[in-house]
């Protein structure tokens, strides 16, 4: 006896599995969006994180041109 699917049904099970995964992903996405939509504390945290990341990118861009870098650092880590 073989563990393989009956001939001719392989593509049906693949398509069914993909559709099922897409449905689950869509439901999960809607649930997360609904929870995040009214969460003002989360919005504030995301905005602060975006601002911090922008400052970090600006500092890295300045350091890449030779400015703003401490010459005593060994350069092994990306943190000050």
N, C-alpha and C. Protein backbone atom coordinates (compact mmCIF):
# COMPACT_ATOMS: atom_id res chain seq x y z
N UNK A 1 0.83 -1.17 0.00
CA UNK A 1 0.00 0.00 0.00
C UNK A 1 0.88 1.24 0.00
N UNK A 2 0.49 2.24 -0.74
CA UNK A 2 1.28 3.45 -0.90
C UNK A 2 0.70 4.60 -0.08
N UNK A 3 1.59 5.48 0.40
CA UNK A 3 1.15 6.66 1.15
C UNK A 3 0.79 7.82 0.23
N UNK A 4 1.03 7.68 -1.06
CA UNK A 4 0.78 8.77 -2.00
C UNK A 4 -0.72 8.98 -2.19
N UNK A 5 -1.10 10.21 -2.54
CA UNK A 5 -2.50 10.52 -2.82
C UNK A 5 -2.91 9.81 -4.10
N UNK A 6 -4.20 9.53 -4.23
CA UNK A 6 -4.66 8.89 -5.46
C UNK A 6 -4.33 9.76 -6.67
N UNK A 7 -4.04 9.11 -7.77
CA UNK A 7 -3.66 9.83 -8.97
C UNK A 7 -4.77 10.78 -9.40
N UNK A 8 -4.40 12.02 -9.73
CA UNK A 8 -5.37 13.00 -10.19
C UNK A 8 -5.89 13.90 -9.08
N UNK A 9 -5.61 13.57 -7.82
CA UNK A 9 -6.10 14.38 -6.71
C UNK A 9 -5.00 15.23 -6.07
N UNK A 10 -3.78 15.12 -6.52
CA UNK A 10 -2.67 15.86 -5.92
C UNK A 10 -2.83 17.36 -6.05
N UNK A 11 -3.20 17.82 -7.21
CA UNK A 11 -3.33 19.27 -7.40
C UNK A 11 -4.52 19.82 -6.64
N UNK A 12 -5.56 19.03 -6.47
CA UNK A 12 -6.74 19.48 -5.74
C UNK A 12 -6.38 19.71 -4.27
N UNK A 13 -5.63 18.80 -3.69
CA UNK A 13 -5.26 18.95 -2.28
C UNK A 13 -4.30 20.12 -2.10
N UNK A 14 -3.41 20.33 -3.06
CA UNK A 14 -2.49 21.47 -2.98
C UNK A 14 -3.26 22.77 -3.04
N UNK A 15 -4.16 22.89 -4.00
CA UNK A 15 -4.96 24.12 -4.14
C UNK A 15 -5.81 24.33 -2.89
N UNK A 16 -6.42 23.27 -2.39
CA UNK A 16 -7.23 23.38 -1.18
C UNK A 16 -6.42 23.82 0.03
N UNK A 17 -5.21 23.31 0.15
CA UNK A 17 -4.34 23.69 1.25
C UNK A 17 -3.95 25.16 1.15
N UNK A 18 -3.59 25.60 -0.04
CA UNK A 18 -3.21 27.01 -0.24
C UNK A 18 -4.38 27.93 0.06
N UNK A 19 -5.57 27.59 -0.43
CA UNK A 19 -6.75 28.41 -0.17
C UNK A 19 -7.04 28.45 1.33
N UNK A 20 -6.93 27.33 2.00
CA UNK A 20 -7.14 27.28 3.45
C UNK A 20 -6.15 28.15 4.20
N UNK A 21 -4.90 28.11 3.79
CA UNK A 21 -3.88 28.94 4.44
C UNK A 21 -4.16 30.42 4.21
N UNK A 22 -4.60 30.78 3.00
CA UNK A 22 -4.93 32.17 2.71
C UNK A 22 -6.12 32.66 3.54
N UNK A 23 -7.10 31.81 3.73
CA UNK A 23 -8.26 32.17 4.55
C UNK A 23 -7.83 32.40 6.00
N UNK A 24 -7.03 31.51 6.54
CA UNK A 24 -6.55 31.66 7.92
C UNK A 24 -5.72 32.93 8.05
N UNK A 25 -4.85 33.20 7.09
CA UNK A 25 -4.03 34.41 7.13
C UNK A 25 -4.89 35.67 7.07
N UNK A 26 -5.92 35.67 6.22
CA UNK A 26 -6.80 36.83 6.11
C UNK A 26 -7.56 37.06 7.42
N UNK A 27 -8.04 35.99 8.04
CA UNK A 27 -8.74 36.13 9.32
C UNK A 27 -7.81 36.65 10.41
N UNK A 28 -6.60 36.14 10.45
CA UNK A 28 -5.62 36.61 11.44
C UNK A 28 -5.29 38.08 11.21
N UNK A 29 -5.12 38.47 9.96
CA UNK A 29 -4.81 39.87 9.62
C UNK A 29 -5.94 40.79 10.08
N UNK A 30 -7.18 40.40 9.81
CA UNK A 30 -8.32 41.22 10.23
C UNK A 30 -8.39 41.34 11.74
N UNK A 31 -8.14 40.26 12.44
CA UNK A 31 -8.18 40.28 13.90
C UNK A 31 -7.11 41.22 14.46
N UNK A 32 -5.90 41.12 13.97
CA UNK A 32 -4.81 41.99 14.44
C UNK A 32 -5.10 43.44 14.10
N UNK A 33 -5.58 43.71 12.90
CA UNK A 33 -5.89 45.09 12.51
C UNK A 33 -6.98 45.68 13.39
N UNK A 34 -7.99 44.89 13.72
CA UNK A 34 -9.07 45.37 14.57
C UNK A 34 -8.55 45.72 15.96
N UNK A 35 -7.64 44.89 16.49
CA UNK A 35 -7.09 45.15 17.82
C UNK A 35 -6.18 46.37 17.82
N UNK A 36 -5.40 46.55 16.75
CA UNK A 36 -4.46 47.66 16.69
C UNK A 36 -5.12 48.98 16.37
N UNK A 37 -6.25 48.96 15.70
CA UNK A 37 -6.88 50.17 15.21
C UNK A 37 -7.21 51.15 16.33
N UNK A 38 -7.76 50.70 17.43
CA UNK A 38 -8.17 51.61 18.48
C UNK A 38 -7.17 51.74 19.61
N UNK A 39 -5.98 51.18 19.47
CA UNK A 39 -5.00 51.17 20.55
C UNK A 39 -4.09 52.39 20.44
N UNK A 40 -4.43 53.44 21.19
CA UNK A 40 -3.64 54.68 21.11
C UNK A 40 -2.24 54.51 21.69
N UNK A 41 -2.10 53.69 22.71
CA UNK A 41 -0.78 53.47 23.31
C UNK A 41 0.16 52.80 22.31
N UNK A 42 -0.37 51.84 21.55
CA UNK A 42 0.43 51.18 20.53
C UNK A 42 0.83 52.17 19.43
N UNK A 43 -0.11 53.01 19.02
CA UNK A 43 0.19 54.02 18.00
C UNK A 43 1.31 54.94 18.46
N UNK A 44 1.28 55.35 19.73
CA UNK A 44 2.32 56.22 20.27
C UNK A 44 3.67 55.50 20.28
N UNK A 45 3.66 54.23 20.66
CA UNK A 45 4.91 53.46 20.67
C UNK A 45 5.47 53.30 19.27
N UNK A 46 4.61 53.02 18.29
CA UNK A 46 5.07 52.87 16.91
C UNK A 46 5.64 54.18 16.37
N UNK A 47 4.98 55.29 16.68
CA UNK A 47 5.47 56.59 16.21
C UNK A 47 6.82 56.91 16.84
N UNK A 48 6.97 56.65 18.14
CA UNK A 48 8.25 56.89 18.82
C UNK A 48 9.34 56.00 18.24
N UNK A 49 9.00 54.76 17.91
CA UNK A 49 9.97 53.84 17.33
C UNK A 49 10.40 54.31 15.94
N UNK A 50 9.44 54.79 15.15
CA UNK A 50 9.78 55.32 13.82
C UNK A 50 10.71 56.53 13.92
N UNK A 51 10.42 57.41 14.88
CA UNK A 51 11.27 58.60 15.06
C UNK A 51 12.68 58.20 15.50
N UNK A 52 12.76 57.23 16.42
CA UNK A 52 14.07 56.76 16.88
C UNK A 52 14.86 56.12 15.75
N UNK A 53 14.17 55.34 14.91
CA UNK A 53 14.84 54.71 13.78
C UNK A 53 15.33 55.75 12.78
N UNK A 54 14.54 56.80 12.56
CA UNK A 54 14.95 57.86 11.64
C UNK A 54 16.20 58.57 12.17
N UNK A 55 16.22 58.85 13.48
CA UNK A 55 17.41 59.48 14.06
C UNK A 55 18.64 58.58 13.91
N UNK A 56 18.45 57.27 14.13
CA UNK A 56 19.55 56.33 13.98
C UNK A 56 20.08 56.29 12.56
N UNK A 57 19.17 56.32 11.57
CA UNK A 57 19.61 56.33 10.17
C UNK A 57 20.38 57.60 9.85
N UNK A 58 19.91 58.73 10.40
CA UNK A 58 20.62 60.00 10.16
C UNK A 58 22.01 59.96 10.78
N UNK A 59 22.11 59.42 11.99
CA UNK A 59 23.42 59.33 12.64
C UNK A 59 24.36 58.40 11.88
N UNK A 60 23.83 57.27 11.38
CA UNK A 60 24.66 56.35 10.61
C UNK A 60 25.11 56.98 9.30
N UNK A 61 24.24 57.75 8.68
CA UNK A 61 24.61 58.41 7.43
C UNK A 61 25.73 59.41 7.69
N UNK A 62 25.66 60.12 8.81
CA UNK A 62 26.72 61.07 9.17
C UNK A 62 28.01 60.36 9.50
N UNK A 63 27.93 59.22 10.17
CA UNK A 63 29.12 58.45 10.54
C UNK A 63 29.76 57.83 9.30
N UNK A 64 28.96 57.50 8.30
CA UNK A 64 29.50 56.90 7.09
C UNK A 64 30.36 57.87 6.28
N UNK A 65 30.12 59.15 6.48
CA UNK A 65 30.92 60.16 5.77
C UNK A 65 32.13 60.59 6.59
N UNK A 66 32.34 59.92 7.74
CA UNK A 66 33.51 60.25 8.56
C UNK A 66 33.20 61.18 9.69
N UNK A 67 32.00 61.69 9.76
CA UNK A 67 31.64 62.62 10.83
C UNK A 67 30.91 61.90 11.94
N UNK A 68 31.08 62.39 13.17
CA UNK A 68 30.34 61.87 14.29
C UNK A 68 30.78 60.52 14.80
N UNK A 69 31.95 60.07 14.43
CA UNK A 69 32.40 58.76 14.89
C UNK A 69 33.57 58.92 15.84
N UNK A 70 33.51 58.22 16.94
CA UNK A 70 34.57 58.27 17.94
C UNK A 70 35.72 57.38 17.48
N UNK A 71 36.90 57.94 17.38
CA UNK A 71 38.04 57.18 16.86
C UNK A 71 38.55 56.17 17.87
N UNK A 72 38.11 56.22 19.15
CA UNK A 72 38.59 55.26 20.13
C UNK A 72 37.78 53.97 20.11
N UNK A 73 36.67 53.97 19.40
CA UNK A 73 35.87 52.74 19.33
C UNK A 73 36.56 51.73 18.43
N UNK A 74 36.34 50.48 18.73
CA UNK A 74 36.96 49.43 17.92
C UNK A 74 36.13 49.13 16.67
N UNK A 75 34.87 49.55 16.64
CA UNK A 75 34.03 49.33 15.47
C UNK A 75 33.47 47.94 15.38
N UNK A 76 33.68 47.11 16.41
CA UNK A 76 33.20 45.74 16.35
C UNK A 76 31.70 45.65 16.54
N UNK A 77 31.13 46.56 17.31
CA UNK A 77 29.67 46.51 17.50
C UNK A 77 29.06 47.77 16.94
N UNK A 78 27.79 47.68 16.60
CA UNK A 78 27.10 48.81 16.04
C UNK A 78 26.48 49.71 17.09
N UNK A 79 26.68 49.39 18.40
CA UNK A 79 26.09 50.20 19.44
C UNK A 79 27.14 51.10 20.05
N UNK A 80 26.75 52.27 20.49
CA UNK A 80 27.72 53.20 21.11
C UNK A 80 28.16 52.73 22.46
